[in-house]
Protein backbone atom coordinates (compact mmCIF):
# COMPACT_ATOMS: atom_id res chain seq x y z
CA MET A 1 -0.14 0.59 -0.16
CA THR A 2 1.27 3.29 -0.79
CA ASN A 3 1.71 6.11 1.28
CA SER A 4 -0.91 8.90 -0.43
CA THR A 5 -2.92 11.48 1.02
CA PRO A 6 -5.99 10.29 -0.80
CA VAL A 7 -5.95 6.64 0.86
CA LYS A 8 -4.56 8.98 4.46
CA ALA A 9 -8.14 10.95 3.71
CA PHE A 10 -10.30 7.72 2.57
CA PHE A 11 -9.24 5.82 5.78
CA SER A 12 -9.81 9.03 8.29
CA LEU A 13 -12.91 9.83 6.82
CA ALA A 14 -14.42 6.14 6.92
CA LEU A 15 -13.35 5.89 10.37
CA ALA A 16 -14.70 8.98 11.56
CA LEU A 17 -18.13 8.81 9.98
CA ALA A 18 -18.08 5.22 11.44
CA LEU A 19 -17.46 6.90 15.33
CA SER A 20 -19.91 9.62 14.56
CA GLN A 21 -23.09 7.64 13.07
CA GLN A 22 -22.42 4.94 15.96
CA VAL A 23 -21.76 1.84 13.44
CA PHE A 24 -20.23 0.36 16.26
CA ALA A 25 -22.10 1.31 19.13
CA GLN A 26 -24.38 -1.55 19.29
CA GLU A 27 -21.29 -3.96 19.77
CA TYR A 28 -18.71 -2.21 21.28
CA ASP A 29 -18.21 -0.58 24.11
CA LEU A 30 -15.95 3.19 24.82
CA ASP A 31 -13.09 1.12 25.75
CA SER A 32 -13.45 -1.46 22.67
CA LEU A 33 -13.76 1.86 20.53
CA ILE A 34 -10.64 3.29 21.86
CA SER A 35 -8.96 -0.09 21.13
CA ILE A 36 -10.07 0.08 17.73
CA ARG A 37 -9.02 3.45 17.31
CA LEU A 38 -5.80 2.55 18.34
CA GLU A 39 -5.40 -0.17 16.13
CA ALA A 40 -5.89 1.98 13.33
CA ALA A 41 -3.53 4.24 14.24
CA LEU A 42 -1.21 1.89 14.42
CA ALA A 43 -1.75 0.45 10.97
CA PHE A 44 -2.05 3.89 9.20
CA ASP A 45 1.55 4.84 10.73
CA SER A 46 3.11 1.60 9.20
CA ILE A 47 2.18 2.81 6.42
CA GLY A 48 3.62 6.65 7.27
CA MET A 49 0.06 8.04 7.91
CA GLU A 50 -0.51 10.83 11.14
CA THR A 51 -2.43 9.63 13.95
CA ASP A 52 -5.44 11.68 15.17
CA LEU A 53 -6.60 10.42 18.76
CA ALA A 54 -8.86 13.59 18.53
CA ILE A 55 -11.31 11.72 16.55
CA LEU A 56 -13.17 10.20 19.53
CA ALA A 57 -13.94 14.19 20.31
CA HIS A 58 -15.84 14.66 17.03
CA ARG A 59 -18.53 17.26 17.25
CA GLU A 60 -20.81 15.13 16.03
CA TYR A 61 -20.01 11.73 18.44
CA VAL A 62 -22.88 10.89 20.49
CA PRO A 63 -22.05 8.57 23.28
CA ALA A 64 -24.27 5.95 24.30
CA VAL A 65 -27.44 6.44 26.36
CA GLU A 66 -26.41 6.91 30.19
CA THR A 67 -28.15 4.21 32.61
CA PRO A 68 -30.89 5.26 34.95
CA GLU A 69 -28.44 4.23 37.98
CA LEU A 70 -25.75 6.62 36.69
CA ILE A 71 -28.17 9.93 35.74
CA ALA A 72 -29.46 9.24 39.87
CA ASP A 73 -26.04 9.31 40.66
CA ARG A 74 -24.42 12.05 38.90
CA LEU A 75 -27.63 14.36 40.07
CA SER A 76 -27.14 13.12 43.67
CA CYS A 77 -23.92 14.52 43.33
CA ILE A 78 -24.88 18.09 41.85
CA GLU A 79 -27.71 18.38 44.16
CA GLY A 80 -27.48 21.41 46.52
CA GLU A 81 -30.53 23.58 48.13
CA ILE A 82 -32.98 22.48 45.13
CA LYS A 83 -33.70 18.88 45.48
CA LEU A 84 -33.01 17.07 42.07
CA THR A 85 -35.52 14.48 41.52
CA TYR A 86 -34.80 11.95 39.22
CA ASN A 87 -37.81 9.94 36.94
CA ASP A 88 -38.45 8.69 33.39
CA ARG A 89 -39.42 12.57 32.65
CA ILE A 90 -36.15 13.99 33.57
CA HIS A 91 -34.70 10.80 32.02
CA ALA A 92 -36.40 12.04 29.05
CA PHE A 93 -35.56 15.49 29.02
CA ILE A 94 -32.08 14.75 29.65
CA ASN A 95 -31.71 12.73 26.46
CA TYR A 96 -33.52 15.52 24.59
CA PHE A 97 -30.63 18.03 25.60
CA THR A 98 -28.17 15.90 25.17
CA ILE A 99 -28.69 13.67 22.21
CA LYS A 100 -31.39 15.21 20.24
CA ASP A 101 -31.00 18.98 20.14
CA ARG A 102 -27.15 18.96 20.97
CA ASP A 103 -27.16 22.41 18.83
CA TYR A 104 -29.38 23.94 21.18
CA THR A 105 -27.06 22.68 24.27
CA ARG A 106 -24.33 23.90 22.44
CA MET A 107 -25.29 27.60 21.83
CA VAL A 108 -26.23 27.75 25.78
CA LEU A 109 -23.07 26.50 26.74
CA GLY A 110 -21.43 29.18 24.71
CA ARG A 111 -23.41 31.67 26.33
CA LYS A 112 -23.04 30.94 29.87
CA ASP A 113 -19.90 32.74 30.74
CA LEU A 114 -21.47 35.85 29.48
CA TYR A 115 -24.29 35.53 32.13
CA PHE A 116 -23.34 33.36 34.72
CA PRO A 117 -21.41 35.66 36.75
CA LEU A 118 -24.14 38.21 36.72
CA PHE A 119 -26.35 35.63 37.78
CA GLU A 120 -24.02 34.45 40.49
CA LYS A 121 -23.57 37.79 42.05
CA TYR A 122 -27.26 38.76 42.56
CA LEU A 123 -28.31 35.38 43.73
CA ALA A 124 -25.62 35.43 46.43
CA ARG A 125 -26.76 39.06 47.17
CA TYR A 126 -30.63 37.76 47.89
CA GLY A 127 -29.23 34.81 49.60
CA LEU A 128 -30.51 32.31 47.05
CA PRO A 129 -29.67 29.09 45.69
CA ASP A 130 -26.93 29.32 43.25
CA GLU A 131 -28.31 26.44 40.85
CA LEU A 132 -31.09 29.23 40.07
CA LYS A 133 -29.00 30.73 37.15
CA TYR A 134 -30.10 27.83 35.16
CA LEU A 135 -33.36 28.64 35.47
CA ALA A 136 -32.66 31.70 32.71
CA ILE A 137 -31.55 28.80 30.29
CA VAL A 138 -35.12 27.26 30.37
CA GLU A 139 -36.62 30.81 30.20
CA SER A 140 -34.74 32.21 27.48
CA GLY A 141 -32.15 30.03 26.38
CA LEU A 142 -29.69 33.14 27.50
CA ASN A 143 -31.17 35.19 25.11
CA PRO A 144 -31.61 38.81 26.85
CA ARG A 145 -33.91 40.00 24.11
CA ALA A 146 -36.18 36.69 23.78
CA VAL A 147 -39.93 37.57 23.63
CA SER A 148 -42.57 34.40 23.58
CA ARG A 149 -45.65 33.91 22.28
CA ALA A 150 -47.27 35.03 25.64
CA ARG A 151 -44.99 38.07 25.46
CA ALA A 152 -42.95 37.52 28.22
CA VAL A 153 -39.96 39.23 27.68
CA GLY A 154 -35.93 38.81 28.17
CA LEU A 155 -33.66 37.01 30.12
CA TRP A 156 -35.88 35.84 32.77
CA GLN A 157 -39.28 36.37 30.80
CA PHE A 158 -41.32 38.66 32.68
CA MET A 159 -44.97 39.42 31.52
CA SER A 160 -45.65 43.31 31.96
CA SER A 161 -47.54 42.76 34.91
CA THR A 162 -45.03 41.15 36.41
CA GLY A 163 -42.00 43.60 35.17
CA ARG A 164 -43.76 46.56 36.71
CA HIS A 165 -44.74 45.10 39.46
CA PHE A 166 -40.72 44.65 40.32
CA GLY A 167 -39.71 48.25 38.86
CA LEU A 168 -39.21 47.19 35.26
CA HIS A 169 -40.23 49.52 33.14
CA HIS A 170 -40.98 49.48 29.58
CA ASP A 171 -42.50 51.65 26.84
CA TRP A 172 -41.77 52.12 22.85
CA TYR A 173 -38.16 52.87 23.17
CA VAL A 174 -36.95 51.25 26.02
CA ASP A 175 -37.69 47.52 27.96
CA GLU A 176 -35.77 47.08 30.93
CA ARG A 177 -37.24 43.54 30.69
CA MET A 178 -34.55 42.64 28.54
CA ASP A 179 -31.70 44.53 30.81
CA PRO A 180 -29.39 41.63 32.43
CA GLU A 181 -28.70 43.32 35.45
CA LYS A 182 -32.17 45.09 36.35
CA SER A 183 -34.15 41.84 35.02
CA THR A 184 -31.83 39.34 36.94
CA GLU A 185 -32.44 41.74 40.16
CA ALA A 186 -36.44 41.52 40.02
CA ALA A 187 -36.38 38.05 39.24
CA CYS A 188 -34.36 37.25 42.05
CA GLN A 189 -36.52 39.34 44.18
CA TYR A 190 -39.59 37.32 42.89
CA LEU A 191 -37.95 34.29 43.50
CA GLY A 192 -37.43 35.09 47.00
CA ASP A 193 -41.05 36.34 47.45
CA LEU A 194 -42.17 32.93 45.68
CA TYR A 195 -40.27 30.41 48.25
CA ALA A 196 -41.61 32.77 51.03
CA MET A 197 -44.92 31.64 50.17
CA PHE A 198 -44.15 28.02 49.54
CA HIS A 199 -41.27 27.50 51.52
CA ASP A 200 -40.39 24.80 48.95
CA TRP A 201 -38.18 25.49 45.77
CA GLU A 202 -39.82 22.86 43.53
CA LEU A 203 -43.25 24.49 44.16
CA ALA A 204 -41.57 28.24 43.82
CA LEU A 205 -40.43 27.02 40.45
CA ALA A 206 -43.72 26.33 39.30
CA ALA A 207 -45.22 29.16 40.16
CA TYR A 208 -42.54 31.05 38.56
CA ASN A 209 -43.82 29.37 35.31
CA SER A 210 -47.65 29.66 35.85
CA GLY A 211 -48.08 32.19 38.84
CA PRO A 212 -48.85 31.18 42.19
CA GLY A 213 -52.51 31.30 42.21
CA ASN A 214 -52.27 27.97 39.66
CA VAL A 215 -49.78 26.12 42.26
CA ARG A 216 -51.83 26.99 45.24
CA LYS A 217 -55.21 25.47 42.93
CA ALA A 218 -53.26 22.24 42.21
CA ILE A 219 -52.43 22.10 45.78
CA ARG A 220 -56.17 22.44 46.62
CA ARG A 221 -57.18 20.10 44.17
CA SER A 222 -54.45 17.30 45.29
CA GLY A 223 -55.73 17.33 48.95
CA TYR A 224 -53.72 19.95 49.99
CA LYS A 225 -50.32 17.70 49.35
CA LYS A 226 -47.31 20.10 49.43
CA ASP A 227 -45.20 17.81 47.51
CA PHE A 228 -44.43 19.11 43.32
CA TRP A 229 -44.60 15.32 42.16
CA GLU A 230 -48.01 14.88 44.27
CA ILE A 231 -49.16 17.74 42.55
CA TYR A 232 -48.27 17.12 39.26
CA ARG A 233 -50.82 16.29 37.35
CA TYR A 234 -53.00 19.22 38.43
CA LEU A 235 -50.65 21.77 37.49
CA PRO A 236 -50.94 23.29 33.87
CA ARG A 237 -49.44 21.32 31.14
CA GLU A 238 -46.56 23.65 30.50
CA THR A 239 -45.71 23.52 33.99
CA ARG A 240 -45.25 19.78 34.61
CA SER A 241 -42.24 19.94 32.35
CA TYR A 242 -40.85 23.16 33.78
CA LEU A 243 -38.99 21.44 36.76
CA PRO A 244 -38.03 18.27 34.58
CA GLN A 245 -36.51 20.82 32.12
CA PHE A 246 -34.58 22.66 35.23
CA ILE A 247 -33.05 19.96 36.24
CA ALA A 248 -32.25 17.97 33.15
CA ILE A 249 -30.78 21.38 31.85
CA MET A 250 -28.78 21.63 35.23
CA TYR A 251 -27.71 17.94 34.81
CA THR A 252 -26.58 18.57 31.07
CA LEU A 253 -24.38 21.74 31.20
CA ASN A 254 -22.65 20.08 34.71
CA TYR A 255 -21.84 16.69 32.71
CA ALA A 256 -21.28 18.30 29.29
CA ASP A 257 -17.84 16.46 28.91
CA GLU A 258 -19.45 13.07 29.62
CA HIS A 259 -21.89 13.49 26.72
CA ASN A 260 -19.07 14.89 24.40
CA LEU A 261 -20.69 18.21 24.43
CA PHE A 262 -17.96 20.75 24.24
CA GLU A 263 -18.84 24.82 23.83
CA THR A 264 -17.52 27.56 21.05
CA PRO A 265 -17.98 30.64 23.83
CA GLU A 266 -19.44 33.53 22.43
CA PRO A 267 -17.39 36.74 22.47
CA ALA A 268 -17.27 38.26 25.25
CA LEU A 269 -18.94 41.96 25.85
CA VAL A 270 -15.93 44.85 24.99
CA ALA A 271 -15.07 46.42 28.40
CA SER A 272 -17.15 49.49 29.19
CA ASP A 273 -18.31 52.09 31.47
CA THR A 274 -22.28 53.82 32.58
CA LEU A 275 -23.25 57.06 31.24
CA SER A 276 -26.66 58.60 32.45
CA VAL A 277 -28.72 60.11 30.22
CA ASN A 278 -31.99 62.61 30.54
CA HIS A 279 -32.45 63.78 27.07
CA PHE A 280 -32.83 61.97 23.90
CA LEU A 281 -29.70 60.24 22.35
CA HIS A 282 -29.13 58.74 18.64
CA PHE A 283 -27.19 55.83 19.14
CA GLU A 284 -25.61 56.05 15.52
CA THR A 285 -24.76 59.37 15.83
CA PHE A 286 -23.45 59.08 19.33
CA ALA A 287 -20.84 55.99 17.93
CA ASN A 288 -19.93 57.91 15.26
CA LEU A 289 -18.72 60.72 17.39
CA THR A 290 -17.08 58.56 19.84
CA GLY A 291 -15.50 56.07 17.65
CA ALA A 292 -17.63 53.37 19.18
CA LYS A 293 -18.92 50.05 17.17
CA MET A 294 -22.38 50.24 16.20
CA GLU A 295 -23.18 46.49 17.22
CA ASP A 296 -20.93 46.93 20.71
CA MET A 297 -23.49 49.67 21.84
CA LEU A 298 -26.32 47.42 20.72
CA LYS A 299 -24.76 44.20 22.56
CA LEU A 300 -24.32 46.36 25.95
CA ASN A 301 -27.61 47.59 25.84
CA PRO A 302 -30.03 45.16 24.64
CA SER A 303 -32.75 47.17 26.27
CA VAL A 304 -33.29 49.64 23.98
CA LEU A 305 -35.21 48.85 21.39
CA ARG A 306 -34.76 51.42 18.85
CA LYS A 307 -31.51 52.58 18.53
CA ALA A 308 -32.37 55.31 20.48
CA ILE A 309 -32.91 56.65 24.09
CA PRO A 310 -36.47 58.78 24.65
CA GLU A 311 -36.54 62.53 26.11
CA THR A 312 -39.18 61.62 28.65
CA GLY A 313 -37.87 63.60 31.93
CA ARG A 314 -36.41 60.46 33.49
CA PRO A 315 -32.48 59.60 33.65
CA TYR A 316 -31.83 56.43 31.71
CA THR A 317 -28.15 54.57 32.39
CA ILE A 318 -26.75 52.71 29.41
CA ARG A 319 -23.31 51.25 28.86
CA VAL A 320 -20.68 52.86 26.62
CA PRO A 321 -17.51 51.60 25.45
CA LEU A 322 -14.47 52.61 27.76
CA GLY A 323 -12.96 53.93 24.49
CA ALA A 324 -15.73 56.18 23.53
CA LYS A 325 -16.13 57.31 27.14
CA GLU A 326 -12.76 58.59 27.25
CA ASN A 327 -13.59 60.40 23.63
CA LEU A 328 -16.85 61.38 25.45
CA ILE A 329 -14.88 63.14 28.17
CA LEU A 330 -12.69 65.10 25.82
CA HIS A 331 -16.00 66.66 23.58
CA ARG A 332 -18.74 65.86 26.08
CA GLY A 333 -20.94 69.16 24.81
CA GLU A 334 -20.51 68.73 21.44
CA ILE A 335 -21.17 64.69 21.09
CA LEU A 336 -24.37 64.54 22.93
CA ASP A 337 -25.55 67.89 21.42
CA SER A 338 -25.12 66.26 17.85
CA ALA A 339 -26.72 63.10 19.80
CA SER A 340 -29.63 64.69 21.24
CA ARG A 341 -30.97 66.08 18.12
CA VAL A 342 -30.27 63.59 15.02
CA GLY A 343 -33.48 61.39 14.32
CA LYS A 344 -35.58 62.43 17.10
CA GLU A 345 -38.29 63.97 15.23
CA GLU A 346 -38.87 60.80 12.93
CA LEU A 347 -38.38 58.78 16.06
CA GLU A 348 -40.99 60.37 17.98
CA ALA A 349 -43.51 60.20 14.80
CA LEU A 350 -42.93 56.49 14.24
CA ALA A 351 -43.32 55.92 17.97
CA LYS A 352 -47.24 57.74 17.69
CA ASN A 353 -47.80 55.72 14.98
CA THR A 354 -46.86 52.19 15.11
CA LEU A 355 -49.22 49.72 15.58
CA GLY A 356 -49.66 48.74 19.06
CA SER A 357 -47.65 52.11 20.41
CA THR A 358 -48.59 53.30 24.02
CA TYR A 359 -45.74 56.05 23.44
CA GLY A 360 -47.10 59.51 24.66
CA ARG A 361 -50.38 57.33 25.63
CA GLU A 362 -52.62 57.09 28.94
CA LEU A 363 -54.09 53.72 29.68
CA VAL A 364 -57.99 53.55 30.44
CA ALA A 365 -59.42 49.91 31.25
CA TYR A 366 -62.41 49.84 29.07
CA ARG A 367 -65.30 47.16 30.13
CA VAL A 368 -66.90 45.61 27.18
CA ARG A 369 -71.22 46.14 27.06
CA SER A 370 -73.59 44.53 25.09
CA GLY A 371 -73.85 45.41 21.05
CA ASP A 372 -69.91 46.66 21.45
CA VAL A 373 -67.64 45.28 18.42
CA LEU A 374 -64.05 46.27 18.26
CA GLY A 375 -64.39 49.01 15.13
CA THR A 376 -66.89 51.03 17.27
CA ILE A 377 -64.62 50.78 20.40
CA ALA A 378 -61.63 51.99 18.43
CA GLU A 379 -63.74 54.89 16.90
CA ARG A 380 -64.95 56.11 20.51
CA TYR A 381 -61.62 56.39 21.21
CA ARG A 382 -59.82 57.63 18.01
CA VAL A 383 -57.49 54.57 17.80
CA ARG A 384 -57.56 51.60 15.62
CA VAL A 385 -58.86 48.04 15.59
CA GLY A 386 -55.08 47.14 14.99
CA ASP A 387 -53.97 48.79 18.18
CA ILE A 388 -56.57 47.34 20.54
CA LYS A 389 -55.84 43.48 19.24
CA ASN A 390 -52.31 44.47 20.07
CA TRP A 391 -52.42 46.13 23.24
CA ASN A 392 -54.67 42.88 24.29
CA ASN A 393 -53.11 40.33 22.78
CA LEU A 394 -55.98 39.53 20.80
CA SER A 395 -55.87 36.67 17.93
CA SER A 396 -59.60 37.63 16.33
CA ASN A 397 -62.27 40.16 16.52
CA THR A 398 -64.09 38.64 19.13
CA ILE A 399 -65.05 40.01 22.67
CA ARG A 400 -67.28 39.33 25.29
CA ILE A 401 -69.76 41.05 27.66
CA GLY A 402 -67.59 42.12 31.00
CA GLN A 403 -64.30 41.45 29.08
CA ARG A 404 -61.70 44.19 30.52
CA LEU A 405 -60.13 45.88 27.30
CA ASN A 406 -56.86 47.90 27.82
CA ILE A 407 -57.10 51.21 25.67
CA TRP A 408 -54.38 53.35 25.74
CA VAL A 409 -55.31 57.26 24.49
CA LEU A 410 -53.88 60.56 23.79
CA PRO A 411 -54.25 62.62 27.03
CA SER A 412 -56.44 64.96 24.71
CA ARG A 413 -58.93 62.19 24.55
CA GLN A 414 -59.92 61.39 27.53
CA ASN A 415 -63.47 61.49 27.07
CA TYR A 416 -64.23 58.10 29.28
CA PRO A 417 -67.62 56.50 28.49
CA ALA A 418 -69.51 55.56 31.85
CA THR A 419 -67.95 51.95 31.46
CA ALA A 420 -64.21 53.14 31.32
CA VAL A 421 -62.36 53.19 34.23
CA ALA A 422 -59.30 55.22 34.71
CA SER A 423 -56.00 53.92 34.81
CA ASN A 424 -54.22 51.63 37.03
CA GLN A 425 -58.13 50.99 38.31
CA HIS A 426 -58.52 53.87 39.92
CA PRO A 427 -61.79 55.29 39.28
CA THR A 428 -60.82 58.51 41.47
CA PRO A 429 -57.21 59.85 42.12
CA ALA A 430 -55.28 58.36 44.81
CA PRO A 431 -55.23 60.07 48.09
CA GLU A 432 -52.39 62.23 49.27
CA ALA A 433 -51.03 62.90 52.50
CA MET A 434 -51.12 66.52 53.48
CA LEU A 435 -47.90 68.00 52.69
CA PRO A 436 -45.66 69.74 55.32
CA PRO A 437 -44.26 72.96 54.42
CA ASN A 438 -40.95 71.98 54.25
CA ALA A 439 -41.45 68.48 52.99
CA LYS A 440 -39.61 67.37 49.77
CA ILE A 441 -41.93 66.84 46.92
CA TYR A 442 -41.78 64.43 44.26
CA THR A 443 -44.57 64.47 41.06
CA VAL A 444 -45.49 61.15 39.55
CA GLN A 445 -44.17 60.68 35.80
CA PRO A 446 -46.47 58.48 33.57
CA GLY A 447 -44.99 54.49 34.13
CA ASP A 448 -43.43 55.76 37.54
CA THR A 449 -43.18 52.81 40.02
CA LEU A 450 -42.48 53.16 43.71
CA TRP A 451 -39.14 51.02 42.81
CA ASP A 452 -38.40 53.78 40.12
CA ILE A 453 -38.82 56.77 42.66
CA SER A 454 -36.80 55.34 45.28
CA ARG A 455 -33.91 54.40 43.21
CA LYS A 456 -34.06 58.01 41.76
CA PHE A 457 -32.97 59.77 45.68
CA GLU A 458 -30.26 58.60 47.83
CA GLY A 459 -31.41 56.67 51.33
CA LEU A 460 -35.09 56.47 50.09
CA THR A 461 -37.05 53.13 50.32
CA ILE A 462 -40.66 51.75 49.07
CA GLU A 463 -41.39 51.65 52.39
CA LYS A 464 -40.08 54.73 53.61
CA ILE A 465 -42.16 56.30 50.61
CA LYS A 466 -45.33 54.47 51.63
CA THR A 467 -44.85 55.57 55.14
CA LEU A 468 -44.71 59.22 54.60
CA ASN A 469 -47.47 59.40 52.30
CA ASN A 470 -49.55 56.92 54.11
CA LEU A 471 -50.17 54.96 50.94
CA LYS A 472 -52.39 51.33 51.50
CA THR A 473 -50.98 50.16 47.41
CA THR A 474 -48.11 50.30 45.49
CA LYS A 475 -50.18 51.86 43.06
CA LEU A 476 -49.86 55.34 41.37
CA GLN A 477 -51.19 57.97 39.05
CA PRO A 478 -49.47 60.50 36.97
CA GLY A 479 -49.34 63.92 38.67
CA GLN A 480 -49.90 62.34 42.04
CA LYS A 481 -47.27 64.53 44.63
CA LEU A 482 -45.48 61.82 47.05
CA ILE A 483 -43.61 63.32 50.15
CA ILE A 484 -39.98 61.76 49.75
CA GLY A 485 -38.13 63.79 52.44
C-alpha cells in the first residue's frame, strides 16, 4: 500500500463517519472503540500516516445513552438546596438536551460565561441558591431579547404586569425586562417572594412558570399535598415540564464533557462604563462621534429597542465602550448635543403611529358592553382596531360582555364613557398625604413605580415612601404628589 494522501483521507473519513454515526455502538463499548482507534492508528503509522486520537471528541460523536442508575447518582452529586429528583420524565429531557438537540445545548454552553457571573452575583446578594442560574436557560436560552408567544420578555421572561411590579419599566423605546442587570435583580426578588410563599423550591419554580395562583389551585385539588410530584397532574401542562427541564439542563451543563458536548464561547462584551442620560440620544450619531462600534452599543444595551434613548424627563443609564467614554470626556458638550438632535422627530413620529404603540398615551380600562364590537370601541377612542388587538393580545375580533380591554389614548382624548375606568383601575385619584411646608415633594410621572422613585433619591426606600405618604397600595397615578423627605 502506498503512502498517498487520498488513502489517508479515505481511512480517516471512513473511521470518523463510522464513529459519528455509531456504527460500532451496538457491538462495542467505549473502551473497545478506543482500542479499535489505536489499532487503526498503528496501521496508519505503518504506512506513514499521521494519527489523530481527537477523532473520539468529534462534534458529531454521541456517546451511548446513560443508565438510570448513573444519571441518578450524578444528580445526587450536584444536588444543593434544590431537590434534584430522578424519574423517567427527567430522563427523557436529559436525552433531549444531550442527544436530540445538541445544537441548542452547545449554544447555551457558549453563552453561559456571558451571564452566569452576573446571575451568581445577584443570587448571592439575595441569599438564593446558586443553581437558580440555570433557570434562565429554561426561560430564554440566555437570550436577553427573547420574546415568547405570550409576550414574556428577556432573560427571565417577565410579563408586562409582573415586570412593572418589580420595577421594570418598558415603553416604545426601552424595555428594562431586556436589561440583564435589572431583570436579574427583579427575578431574584420574585423568586425570593415565591419561596417565602411556599417554603419549597420545587413549588416556587412551578409558581415562577404558571403563577402562584395555579400552584395553590393544584395544591387544593390534590387534597392539600405540598410536594411537586404529588400535585403534578393538577398543574398546567407547561408547568409539568418546567421543573423536569430545569433539572435536565442543570444535569446537562454539569456533565457536558461526559456527553461529548463542547462549548464554543461567544465573544465577551467589550469593556464598558455607565453613562446617565436624561434627554434624547441617537445611538448611531453617538457611536460615530465617539469612535464606538454600533454593534457594541447594541450588545451592551439590549433593553434599548429603537437605537435611541427618548426624552421623557426621567434618567436612563446606558453602557458605553470605555474608549467611547474617554472620547466623550474630551468633547462631551458637542457630542451629546449632536446625538440629541439627529433622528429625534422621525422616531417620535414613528413612536406615535406604530401599531400597538403606547408612547405618549395613557391607559384606560374599558369594560365591554352588550352590542360592542372592536370597530365601535376603536372609533370611540380614536384608535385603530389593530391597536386594541395588539394591546390586549387578541388573535381575533371576538370580544365578550364584561371583558376588560386596555385602551391607550392620547391625553387630549380622555373623555371616558361610563363603562371606562381610569388608568391603574382607580376610578378617582389616589389620596395624597397632607404636605408639610418644608417637605420635599416628587410629582409622579407616567410609568413611574415606587421602585423607580426610590432609586432616584439616595436613602429612599419603597417602605419609606409608603410610610411618609400613608399609602396602602403600590399603585400610583401620573401627577400624584409624594413626600420623599
